[in-house]
Protein backbone atom coordinates (compact mmCIF):
# COMPACT_ATOMS: atom_id res chain seq x y z
CA SER A 1 0.00 0.00 0.00
CA LEU A 2 2.75 2.48 0.90
CA LYS A 3 4.64 1.82 -2.34
CA LYS A 4 1.47 2.12 -4.44
CA GLU A 5 0.71 5.50 -2.86
CA ASN A 6 4.37 6.61 -2.96
CA PRO A 7 5.94 5.07 -6.08
CA ASN A 8 9.25 6.94 -5.59
CA TRP A 9 9.83 5.42 -2.17
CA ASN A 10 12.32 2.60 -1.72
CA ILE A 11 10.56 -0.08 0.30
CA THR A 12 12.26 -2.93 2.16
CA LEU A 13 10.22 -5.85 3.50
CA SER A 14 11.24 -8.03 6.40
CA ASP A 15 9.65 -10.84 8.36
CA LYS A 16 10.72 -13.54 10.76
CA SER A 17 8.22 -15.90 9.11
CA GLU A 18 9.40 -17.06 5.70
CA GLU A 19 5.80 -17.94 4.83
CA SER A 20 4.58 -14.42 5.62
CA LEU A 21 7.48 -12.84 3.74
CA ASN A 22 6.77 -14.96 0.66
CA THR A 23 3.10 -13.95 0.77
CA ALA A 24 4.08 -10.27 0.94
CA LEU A 25 6.48 -10.72 -1.99
CA GLU A 26 3.81 -12.46 -4.09
CA ASN A 27 1.37 -9.64 -3.30
CA SER A 28 3.92 -6.99 -4.26
CA LYS A 29 4.47 -8.68 -7.62
CA ILE A 30 0.72 -8.83 -8.27
CA ILE A 31 -0.12 -5.31 -7.08
CA LEU A 32 3.03 -3.43 -8.09
CA GLY A 33 4.45 -5.63 -10.82
CA GLU A 34 7.81 -5.74 -9.07
CA GLU A 35 9.62 -7.60 -6.33
CA LEU A 36 10.67 -5.44 -3.42
CA ILE A 37 13.93 -5.58 -1.49
CA HIS A 38 13.43 -8.09 1.29
CA PHE A 39 15.11 -9.86 4.18
CA HIS A 40 14.08 -13.00 6.04
CA SER A 41 15.05 -11.69 9.45
CA ASP A 42 14.21 -11.69 13.13
CA LEU A 43 14.01 -7.95 13.75
CA PHE A 44 17.02 -6.39 11.99
CA ASN A 45 19.47 -9.25 12.63
CA SER A 46 19.94 -10.26 8.96
CA PHE A 47 20.21 -6.74 7.55
CA PRO A 48 23.54 -5.55 6.16
CA PRO A 49 25.05 -2.98 8.57
CA GLU A 50 24.95 -0.11 6.05
CA ILE A 51 21.15 -0.17 5.58
CA SER A 52 19.28 2.68 7.28
CA PHE A 53 15.76 4.05 7.02
CA ASP A 54 13.81 7.31 7.10
CA ILE A 55 10.68 5.46 8.24
CA ILE A 56 10.11 2.05 9.81
CA VAL A 57 6.56 0.67 9.72
CA SER A 58 5.95 -2.44 11.78
CA ASN A 59 3.01 -4.64 12.64
CA PRO A 60 4.78 -7.05 15.00
CA PRO A 61 3.10 -9.86 16.91
CA TYR A 62 1.27 -8.24 19.78
CA ILE A 63 -1.55 -10.48 20.98
CA PRO A 64 -0.93 -11.81 24.50
CA ILE A 65 -0.73 -15.61 24.43
CA GLU A 66 -3.41 -15.61 27.16
CA GLU A 67 -5.92 -14.22 24.61
CA LYS A 68 -5.43 -17.09 22.16
CA ASP A 69 -8.61 -18.93 23.22
CA SER A 70 -10.74 -15.81 22.75
CA LEU A 71 -9.76 -15.25 19.10
CA MET A 72 -11.89 -16.26 16.14
CA LYS A 73 -11.08 -19.69 14.74
CA ASP A 74 -10.24 -18.34 11.27
CA VAL A 75 -7.54 -16.13 12.77
CA ILE A 76 -5.99 -19.02 14.70
CA ASP A 77 -6.23 -21.46 11.77
CA PHE A 78 -4.91 -19.25 8.97
CA GLU A 79 -2.31 -16.95 10.50
CA PRO A 80 1.14 -18.14 11.56
CA HIS A 81 1.16 -18.10 15.37
CA GLU A 82 4.56 -16.40 15.46
CA ALA A 83 2.95 -13.50 13.56
CA LEU A 84 0.22 -13.12 16.17
CA PHE A 85 1.38 -13.94 19.68
CA LEU A 86 3.98 -12.41 21.94
CA GLU A 87 5.05 -13.90 25.27
CA ASP A 88 7.42 -11.21 26.56
CA PRO A 89 6.33 -7.81 25.22
CA SER A 90 8.67 -5.69 27.35
CA ASN A 91 11.74 -7.55 26.18
CA PHE A 92 10.58 -7.72 22.56
CA PHE A 93 9.74 -4.02 22.23
CA ASN A 94 12.86 -2.94 24.09
CA LEU A 95 15.00 -4.97 21.68
CA PHE A 96 12.97 -3.80 18.67
CA LEU A 97 13.38 -0.12 19.60
CA ILE A 98 17.11 -0.49 20.32
CA GLN A 99 17.67 -2.09 16.92
CA ALA A 100 15.32 0.29 15.09
CA LYS A 101 17.07 3.31 16.61
CA GLN A 102 20.38 2.03 15.22
CA ARG A 103 18.79 1.80 11.75
CA LEU A 104 16.97 5.14 11.67
CA LYS A 105 18.39 8.14 9.91
CA PRO A 106 18.41 11.42 11.90
CA GLY A 107 14.83 12.64 12.26
CA GLY A 108 13.51 9.18 11.36
CA LYS A 109 10.16 7.84 12.49
CA ILE A 110 8.74 4.48 13.57
CA TYR A 111 5.07 3.63 13.06
CA LEU A 112 4.08 0.67 15.17
CA GLU A 113 0.85 -1.25 15.77
CA VAL A 114 0.61 -2.57 19.33
CA HIS A 115 -1.75 -4.16 21.84
CA SER A 116 -3.67 -1.44 23.67
CA GLU A 117 -2.44 -2.65 27.08
CA TRP A 118 1.20 -2.15 26.04
CA ALA A 119 1.07 1.26 24.35
CA LYS A 120 2.00 3.29 27.44
CA LYS A 121 4.76 0.84 28.46
CA ILE A 122 6.28 1.05 24.97
CA GLN A 123 6.03 4.83 25.19
CA GLU A 124 8.04 4.64 28.44
CA ILE A 125 10.64 2.38 26.79
CA SER A 126 11.00 4.88 23.93
CA LYS A 127 11.63 7.69 26.43
CA ASP A 128 14.19 5.58 28.31
CA LEU A 129 15.98 5.00 24.97
CA LEU A 130 16.05 8.77 24.35
CA PHE A 131 13.71 8.98 21.37
CA ASN A 132 12.47 12.54 20.90
CA SER A 133 8.78 11.73 21.10
CA CYS A 134 6.23 8.93 21.14
CA THR A 135 2.62 9.67 20.23
CA ILE A 136 -0.17 7.16 20.89
CA LYS A 137 -3.14 7.08 18.48
CA LYS A 138 -6.42 5.28 19.05
CA ASP A 139 -8.04 2.79 16.67
CA TYR A 140 -11.69 2.88 15.57
CA SER A 141 -12.66 1.14 18.82
CA GLU A 142 -11.03 3.96 20.79
CA LYS A 143 -8.25 1.67 22.03
CA ASP A 144 -4.63 2.80 22.12
CA ARG A 145 -3.27 1.02 19.03
CA MET A 146 -0.74 2.96 16.95
CA LEU A 147 2.51 4.58 18.03
CA ARG A 148 4.53 7.20 16.17
CA ILE A 149 8.02 7.28 17.63
CA GLU A 150 10.44 9.97 16.44
CA LEU A 151 14.22 10.07 16.67
């Protein structure tokens, strides 16, 4: 979607799940007619050291494992569980923000979808890591859902 709306942007895809990454690559070929730069990677671990970004957009796993039984069956049956569930959110988001900060260009931004219960904690982590700002936005259900974190 971002590339379609901004054809001059250079987009890099990354996913820990090879299945999810392949689906995204297939979709980019169908929708855009091109294959995007991509890395099969857990966070930024497989990225070459020279790669940096103006913007990082992430929809990481954020559903607490305790909520698994309350989800609709089609979500559980058709989505890779590693793309949905997170057991240790504080550790994950701390590591994500440390690595993302190392990859951001000066003035860069991170857009992040999160579980509503973790938004304020992630905001605190971003302050501890000396990001300039972290804004929480609500979703259509009025739950804290999106974060914009600026370097």
